[in-house]
Amino acid sequence: MKLTRLLTQHLPLILLVAVASVRADDPVAHDAGAFESPEVLRAADAPAIPPPATLADLAWLVGAWQGALDDNHQEAYVFPAAAGQLPGFARGWTPSGGFLFSEANTFVEIDGTLEYRVKHFTPEFHGVEPRDGYERHRLLAHTGNTWFFENITFRRDDDHHHTVAVRIQADTPQEFIIMVRQRRVTAPSAIPPLVAATVPSTR
């Protein structure tokens, strides 16, 4: 129940991603190295010039992901990129059907680099951040399959799994890092490309 308590105590940061547990029948679980928590960078680690990156670099995230959330359930969905954004949605619920949270998130291509932005909602659909606010995570570095955003790191483990490390309560005596695990349930090819809607003429 520890992660459930964290959801309640630290909603704005915990809900950046859905925390998934490792299943015993997960083939990647036998590779201990795949589950070492990646480094998580701080704002102080930001380079003078942000690293160049495009949404195409994160196209592997497109699709549906699932996993356990402590004793509960979660799923996350990432849509194909359009208009300079790679948007997504996540939600969590209990075995009895109780709603835990929802979030809207997006990777944004801006000035030749990327940002990760998140807006969280309570079960009553009240925004956690201020009305016009959101959590902002600038890209600080990337190497191979690992992408280091401010206080959150995404690592592609293989085509069907990725790991996320999140710093909670950053820059406080109580800060700590949780490791996140997601399992793909929908291949990117199953997600239809965005097609501009045709608005019928009113004439």
C-alpha atoms as a PDB file:
ATOM      1  CA  MET A   1       0.000   0.000   0.000  1.00  0.00           C
ATOM      2  CA  LYS A   2       3.028   2.281   0.127  1.00  0.00           C
ATOM      3  CA  LEU A   3       2.555   3.668  -3.401  1.00  0.00           C
ATOM      4  CA  THR A   4      -1.120   4.362  -2.740  1.00  0.00           C
ATOM      5  CA  ARG A   5      -0.123   6.481   0.264  1.00  0.00           C
ATOM      6  CA  LEU A   6       2.404   8.308  -1.899  1.00  0.00           C
ATOM      7  CA  LEU A   7      -0.332   9.082  -4.407  1.00  0.00           C
ATOM      8  CA  THR A   8      -2.279  10.809  -1.674  1.00  0.00           C
ATOM      9  CA  GLN A   9       0.671  12.632  -0.125  1.00  0.00           C
ATOM     10  CA  HIS A  10       2.519  13.727  -3.273  1.00  0.00           C
ATOM     11  CA  LEU A  11      -0.115  13.845  -6.029  1.00  0.00           C
ATOM     12  CA  PRO A  12       1.402  16.628  -8.188  1.00  0.00           C
ATOM     13  CA  LEU A  13       4.664  14.735  -8.779  1.00  0.00           C
ATOM     14  CA  ILE A  14       3.666  11.082  -8.354  1.00  0.00           C
ATOM     15  CA  LEU A  15       1.060  11.448 -11.080  1.00  0.00           C
ATOM     16  CA  LEU A  16       3.634  12.450 -13.651  1.00  0.00           C
ATOM     17  CA  VAL A  17       3.641   8.805 -14.579  1.00  0.00           C
ATOM     18  CA  ALA A  18       1.769   5.692 -13.542  1.00  0.00           C
ATOM     19  CA  VAL A  19       3.907   3.509 -11.315  1.00  0.00           C
ATOM     20  CA  ALA A  20       3.978  -0.068 -12.571  1.00  0.00           C
ATOM     21  CA  SER A  21       5.260  -3.109 -10.736  1.00  0.00           C
ATOM     22  CA  VAL A  22       7.421  -5.819 -12.325  1.00  0.00           C
ATOM     23  CA  ARG A  23       5.501  -8.996 -13.128  1.00  0.00           C
ATOM     24  CA  ALA A  24       7.124 -12.383 -12.468  1.00  0.00           C
ATOM     25  CA  ASP A  25       6.290 -13.545 -16.009  1.00  0.00           C
ATOM     26  CA  ASP A  26       7.864 -10.451 -17.581  1.00  0.00           C
ATOM     27  CA  PRO A  27      10.844 -11.732 -19.627  1.00  0.00           C
ATOM     28  CA  VAL A  28      12.821  -8.546 -19.060  1.00  0.00           C
ATOM     29  CA  ALA A  29      12.531  -9.071 -15.293  1.00  0.00           C
ATOM     30  CA  HIS A  30      15.291 -11.663 -15.548  1.00  0.00           C
ATOM     31  CA  ASP A  31      17.740  -8.968 -16.664  1.00  0.00           C
ATOM     32  CA  ALA A  32      18.660  -7.266 -13.393  1.00  0.00           C
ATOM     33  CA  GLY A  33      20.525  -4.509 -15.211  1.00  0.00           C
ATOM     34  CA  ALA A  34      17.336  -3.429 -16.928  1.00  0.00           C
ATOM     35  CA  PHE A  35      15.897  -2.476 -13.549  1.00  0.00           C
ATOM     36  CA  GLU A  36      18.689  -0.358 -12.193  1.00  0.00           C
ATOM     37  CA  SER A  37      17.283   3.105 -11.618  1.00  0.00           C
ATOM     38  CA  PRO A  38      18.671   5.587 -14.142  1.00  0.00           C
ATOM     39  CA  GLU A  39      20.152   8.872 -12.984  1.00  0.00           C
ATOM     40  CA  VAL A  40      17.739  11.765 -12.439  1.00  0.00           C
ATOM     41  CA  LEU A  41      19.075  15.235 -13.188  1.00  0.00           C
ATOM     42  CA  ARG A  42      18.215  18.506 -11.456  1.00  0.00           C
ATOM     43  CA  ALA A  43      17.654  22.016 -12.758  1.00  0.00           C
ATOM     44  CA  ALA A  44      21.209  22.818 -11.611  1.00  0.00           C
ATOM     45  CA  ASP A  45      22.449  20.232 -14.132  1.00  0.00           C
ATOM     46  CA  ALA A  46      20.967  22.160 -17.048  1.00  0.00           C
ATOM     47  CA  PRO A  47      23.516  22.861 -19.801  1.00  0.00           C
ATOM     48  CA  ALA A  48      24.058  26.389 -21.084  1.00  0.00           C
ATOM     49  CA  ILE A  49      22.555  25.294 -24.402  1.00  0.00           C
ATOM     50  CA  PRO A  50      19.689  22.741 -24.271  1.00  0.00           C
ATOM     51  CA  PRO A  51      20.400  19.522 -26.195  1.00  0.00           C
ATOM     52  CA  PRO A  52      18.814  19.359 -29.654  1.00  0.00           C
ATOM     53  CA  ALA A  53      15.923  16.907 -29.911  1.00  0.00           C
ATOM     54  CA  THR A  54      12.676  16.379 -31.813  1.00  0.00           C
ATOM     55  CA  LEU A  55       9.443  14.529 -31.137  1.00  0.00           C
ATOM     56  CA  ALA A  56      10.555  11.889 -33.632  1.00  0.00           C
ATOM     57  CA  ASP A  57      13.176  10.833 -31.063  1.00  0.00           C
ATOM     58  CA  LEU A  58      10.371   9.783 -28.686  1.00  0.00           C
ATOM     59  CA  ALA A  59       8.071   8.170 -31.260  1.00  0.00           C
ATOM     60  CA  TRP A  60       8.704   4.801 -29.540  1.00  0.00           C
ATOM     61  CA  LEU A  61       6.417   5.965 -26.712  1.00  0.00           C
ATOM     62  CA  VAL A  62       3.350   6.036 -28.983  1.00  0.00           C
ATOM     63  CA  GLY A  63       0.824   3.399 -27.954  1.00  0.00           C
ATOM     64  CA  ALA A  64      -0.853   2.034 -24.830  1.00  0.00           C
ATOM     65  CA  TRP A  65       0.951   0.993 -21.620  1.00  0.00           C
ATOM     66  CA  GLN A  66      -0.288  -0.807 -18.516  1.00  0.00           C
ATOM     67  CA  GLY A  67       0.881  -2.082 -15.170  1.00  0.00           C
ATOM     68  CA  ALA A  68      -0.022  -2.484 -11.514  1.00  0.00           C
ATOM     69  CA  LEU A  69      -0.209   0.580  -9.290  1.00  0.00           C
ATOM     70  CA  ASP A  70       0.571  -0.907  -5.888  1.00  0.00           C
ATOM     71  CA  ASP A  71      -2.579  -3.019  -5.378  1.00  0.00           C
ATOM     72  CA  ASN A  72      -4.454  -0.978  -7.970  1.00  0.00           C
ATOM     73  CA  HIS A  73      -4.437  -0.571 -11.759  1.00  0.00           C
ATOM     74  CA  GLN A  74      -3.217   2.053 -14.204  1.00  0.00           C
ATOM     75  CA  GLU A  75      -2.945   2.639 -17.905  1.00  0.00           C
ATOM     76  CA  ALA A  76      -1.262   5.319 -19.999  1.00  0.00           C
ATOM     77  CA  TYR A  77      -1.790   6.232 -23.634  1.00  0.00           C
ATOM     78  CA  VAL A  78       0.509   8.267 -25.889  1.00  0.00           C
ATOM     79  CA  PHE A  79      -0.909   9.650 -29.126  1.00  0.00           C
ATOM     80  CA  PRO A  80       1.039  10.217 -32.362  1.00  0.00           C
ATOM     81  CA  ALA A  81       2.778  13.585 -32.645  1.00  0.00           C
ATOM     82  CA  ALA A  82       0.928  16.485 -34.246  1.00  0.00           C
ATOM     83  CA  ALA A  83       1.340  20.260 -34.272  1.00  0.00           C
ATOM     84  CA  GLY A  84       4.626  20.144 -32.352  1.00  0.00           C
ATOM     85  CA  GLN A  85       3.322  17.998 -29.477  1.00  0.00           C
ATOM     86  CA  LEU A  86       3.315  14.325 -28.449  1.00  0.00           C
ATOM     87  CA  PRO A  87       0.258  14.243 -26.163  1.00  0.00           C
ATOM     88  CA  GLY A  88      -0.806  11.565 -23.711  1.00  0.00           C
ATOM     89  CA  PHE A  89      -3.339  10.607 -21.053  1.00  0.00           C
ATOM     90  CA  ALA A  90      -3.119   8.402 -17.959  1.00  0.00           C
ATOM     91  CA  ARG A  91      -5.522   7.165 -15.307  1.00  0.00           C
ATOM     92  CA  GLY A  92      -5.563   4.903 -12.257  1.00  0.00           C
ATOM     93  CA  TRP A  93      -8.304   2.961 -10.483  1.00  0.00           C
ATOM     94  CA  THR A  94      -8.815   0.429  -7.676  1.00  0.00           C
ATOM     95  CA  PRO A  95      -9.821  -3.241  -8.071  1.00  0.00           C
ATOM     96  CA  SER A  96     -13.300  -2.304  -6.860  1.00  0.00           C
ATOM     97  CA  GLY A  97     -13.612   0.374  -9.540  1.00  0.00           C
ATOM     98  CA  GLY A  98     -12.766   3.431  -7.446  1.00  0.00           C
ATOM     99  CA  PHE A  99     -11.162   6.261  -9.415  1.00  0.00           C
ATOM    100  CA  LEU A 100      -7.684   7.380  -8.279  1.00  0.00           C
ATOM    101  CA  PHE A 101      -6.503  10.060 -10.704  1.00  0.00           C
ATOM    102  CA  SER A 102      -6.190  11.215 -14.274  1.00  0.00           C
ATOM    103  CA  GLU A 103      -3.584  13.320 -16.014  1.00  0.00           C
ATOM    104  CA  ALA A 104      -3.024  15.023 -19.345  1.00  0.00           C
ATOM    105  CA  ASN A 105       0.578  15.252 -20.479  1.00  0.00           C
ATOM    106  CA  THR A 106       2.536  16.225 -23.553  1.00  0.00           C
ATOM    107  CA  PHE A 107       6.070  16.380 -24.883  1.00  0.00           C
ATOM    108  CA  VAL A 108       6.492  19.744 -26.592  1.00  0.00           C
ATOM    109  CA  GLU A 109       8.999  20.589 -29.292  1.00  0.00           C
ATOM    110  CA  ILE A 110      10.198  24.126 -28.659  1.00  0.00           C
ATOM    111  CA  ASP A 111      13.268  26.019 -29.843  1.00  0.00           C
ATOM    112  CA  GLY A 112      14.897  22.873 -31.202  1.00  0.00           C
ATOM    113  CA  THR A 113      14.607  20.876 -27.969  1.00  0.00           C
ATOM    114  CA  LEU A 114      11.899  19.209 -25.840  1.00  0.00           C
ATOM    115  CA  GLU A 115       9.889  19.814 -22.681  1.00  0.00           C
ATOM    116  CA  TYR A 116       7.614  17.426 -20.806  1.00  0.00           C
ATOM    117  CA  ARG A 117       4.468  19.098 -19.445  1.00  0.00           C
ATOM    118  CA  VAL A 118       1.860  17.538 -17.146  1.00  0.00           C
ATOM    119  CA  LYS A 119      -1.532  18.590 -15.792  1.00  0.00           C
ATOM    120  CA  HIS A 120      -3.046  16.480 -12.979  1.00  0.00           C
ATOM    121  CA  PHE A 121      -6.666  15.976 -11.922  1.00  0.00           C
ATOM    122  CA  THR A 122      -8.249  14.583  -8.754  1.00  0.00           C
ATOM    123  CA  PRO A 123     -11.043  11.973  -8.864  1.00  0.00           C
ATOM    124  CA  GLU A 124     -13.462  14.919  -8.725  1.00  0.00           C
ATOM    125  CA  PHE A 125     -11.724  16.336 -11.841  1.00  0.00           C
ATOM    126  CA  HIS A 126     -10.309  19.291  -9.936  1.00  0.00           C
ATOM    127  CA  GLY A 127      -7.013  20.519 -11.306  1.00  0.00           C
ATOM    128  CA  VAL A 128      -4.060  19.964  -8.966  1.00  0.00           C
ATOM    129  CA  GLU A 129      -1.953  22.745 -10.464  1.00  0.00           C
ATOM    130  CA  PRO A 130      -3.235  26.336 -10.704  1.00  0.00           C
ATOM    131  CA  ARG A 131      -5.842  26.909 -13.392  1.00  0.00           C
ATOM    132  CA  ASP A 132      -3.327  27.977 -16.040  1.00  0.00           C
ATOM    133  CA  GLY A 133      -0.398  26.035 -14.585  1.00  0.00           C
ATOM    134  CA  TYR A 134       1.287  22.689 -15.232  1.00  0.00           C
ATOM    135  CA  GLU A 135       4.394  20.758 -14.236  1.00  0.00           C
ATOM    136  CA  ARG A 136       7.270  21.677 -16.583  1.00  0.00           C
ATOM    137  CA  HIS A 137      10.294  19.425 -17.134  1.00  0.00           C
ATOM    138  CA  ARG A 138      12.989  20.659 -19.502  1.00  0.00           C
ATOM    139  CA  LEU A 139      15.179  18.234 -21.421  1.00  0.00           C
ATOM    140  CA  LEU A 140      18.663  18.400 -19.895  1.00  0.00           C
ATOM    141  CA  ALA A 141      20.472  15.583 -21.741  1.00  0.00           C
ATOM    142  CA  HIS A 142      19.980  12.392 -23.737  1.00  0.00           C
ATOM    143  CA  THR A 143      22.257   9.446 -24.371  1.00  0.00           C
ATOM    144  CA  GLY A 144      21.296   6.405 -26.418  1.00  0.00           C
ATOM    145  CA  ASN A 145      17.915   5.180 -25.147  1.00  0.00           C
ATOM    146  CA  THR A 146      17.825   7.426 -22.061  1.00  0.00           C
ATOM    147  CA  TRP A 147      16.221  10.874 -21.925  1.00  0.00           C
ATOM    148  CA  PHE A 148      16.982  13.085 -18.935  1.00  0.00           C
ATOM    149  CA  PHE A 149      14.339  15.702 -18.228  1.00  0.00           C
ATOM    150  CA  GLU A 150      14.452  17.880 -15.136  1.00  0.00           C
ATOM    151  CA  ASN A 151      13.580  15.583 -12.184  1.00  0.00           C
ATOM    152  CA  ILE A 152      12.334  12.775 -14.438  1.00  0.00           C
ATOM    153  CA  THR A 153      14.169  10.299 -16.675  1.00  0.00           C
ATOM    154  CA  PHE A 154      12.732   8.058 -19.403  1.00  0.00           C
ATOM    155  CA  ARG A 155      14.694   4.980 -20.478  1.00  0.00           C
ATOM    156  CA  ARG A 156      13.679   2.664 -23.300  1.00  0.00           C
ATOM    157  CA  ASP A 157      14.513  -0.883 -22.160  1.00  0.00           C
ATOM    158  CA  ASP A 158      13.219  -2.656 -25.269  1.00  0.00           C
ATOM    159  CA  ASP A 159      10.321  -2.368 -27.721  1.00  0.00           C
ATOM    160  CA  HIS A 160       7.797  -3.430 -25.078  1.00  0.00           C
ATOM    161  CA  HIS A 161       9.073  -1.926 -21.814  1.00  0.00           C
ATOM    162  CA  HIS A 162      10.350   1.388 -20.554  1.00  0.00           C
ATOM    163  CA  THR A 163      11.540   2.621 -17.181  1.00  0.00           C
ATOM    164  CA  VAL A 164      10.928   6.027 -15.648  1.00  0.00           C
ATOM    165  CA  ALA A 165      12.724   7.447 -12.605  1.00  0.00           C
ATOM    166  CA  VAL A 166      11.042  10.367 -10.834  1.00  0.00           C
ATOM    167  CA  ARG A 167      12.476  12.614  -8.117  1.00  0.00           C
ATOM    168  CA  ILE A 168       9.812  13.424  -5.509  1.00  0.00           C
ATOM    169  CA  GLN A 169       9.970  16.540  -3.328  1.00  0.00           C
ATOM    170  CA  ALA A 170      12.993  17.781  -5.246  1.00  0.00           C
ATOM    171  CA  ASP A 171      15.589  19.842  -3.373  1.00  0.00           C
ATOM    172  CA  THR A 172      14.117  19.157   0.082  1.00  0.00           C
ATOM    173  CA  PRO A 173      15.489  17.008   2.947  1.00  0.00           C
ATOM    174  CA  GLN A 174      12.682  14.498   2.246  1.00  0.00           C
ATOM    175  CA  GLU A 175      13.399  14.008  -1.448  1.00  0.00           C
ATOM    176  CA  PHE A 176      13.550  10.495  -2.858  1.00  0.00           C
ATOM    177  CA  ILE A 177      13.372   8.738  -6.224  1.00  0.00           C
ATOM    178  CA  ILE A 178      10.872   6.133  -7.361  1.00  0.00           C
ATOM    179  CA  MET A 179      11.387   3.872 -10.348  1.00  0.00           C
ATOM    180  CA  VAL A 180       8.522   3.390 -12.784  1.00  0.00           C
ATOM    181  CA  ARG A 181       7.899   0.419 -15.062  1.00  0.00           C
ATOM    182  CA  GLN A 182       5.516   0.263 -18.022  1.00  0.00           C
ATOM    183  CA  ARG A 183       4.574  -2.662 -20.302  1.00  0.00           C
ATOM    184  CA  ARG A 184       3.328  -2.068 -23.851  1.00  0.00           C
ATOM    185  CA  VAL A 185      -0.128  -3.402 -24.688  1.00  0.00           C
ATOM    186  CA  THR A 186      -0.640  -1.746 -28.086  1.00  0.00           C
ATOM    187  CA  ALA A 187       1.931  -1.523 -30.861  1.00  0.00           C
ATOM    188  CA  PRO A 188       2.526   1.900 -32.475  1.00  0.00           C
ATOM    189  CA  SER A 189       1.304   0.545 -35.826  1.00  0.00           C
ATOM    190  CA  ALA A 190      -2.110   0.001 -34.250  1.00  0.00           C
ATOM    191  CA  ILE A 191      -2.496   3.720 -33.555  1.00  0.00           C
ATOM    192  CA  PRO A 192      -4.063   5.499 -36.548  1.00  0.00           C
ATOM    193  CA  PRO A 193      -2.268   8.615 -37.796  1.00  0.00           C
ATOM    194  CA  LEU A 194      -3.836  11.982 -37.158  1.00  0.00           C
ATOM    195  CA  VAL A 195      -6.088  13.074 -40.012  1.00  0.00           C
ATOM    196  CA  ALA A 196      -7.301  16.651 -40.277  1.00  0.00           C
ATOM    197  CA  ALA A 197     -11.038  16.778 -39.687  1.00  0.00           C
ATOM    198  CA  THR A 198     -13.234  18.058 -42.456  1.00  0.00           C
ATOM    199  CA  VAL A 199     -15.739  20.612 -41.244  1.00  0.00           C
ATOM    200  CA  PRO A 200     -18.926  20.462 -43.318  1.00  0.00           C
ATOM    201  CA  SER A 201     -19.979  23.692 -44.944  1.00  0.00           C
ATOM    202  CA  THR A 202     -22.952  25.462 -43.412  1.00  0.00           C
ATOM    203  CA  ARG A 203     -23.871  27.056 -46.703  1.00  0.00           C
END
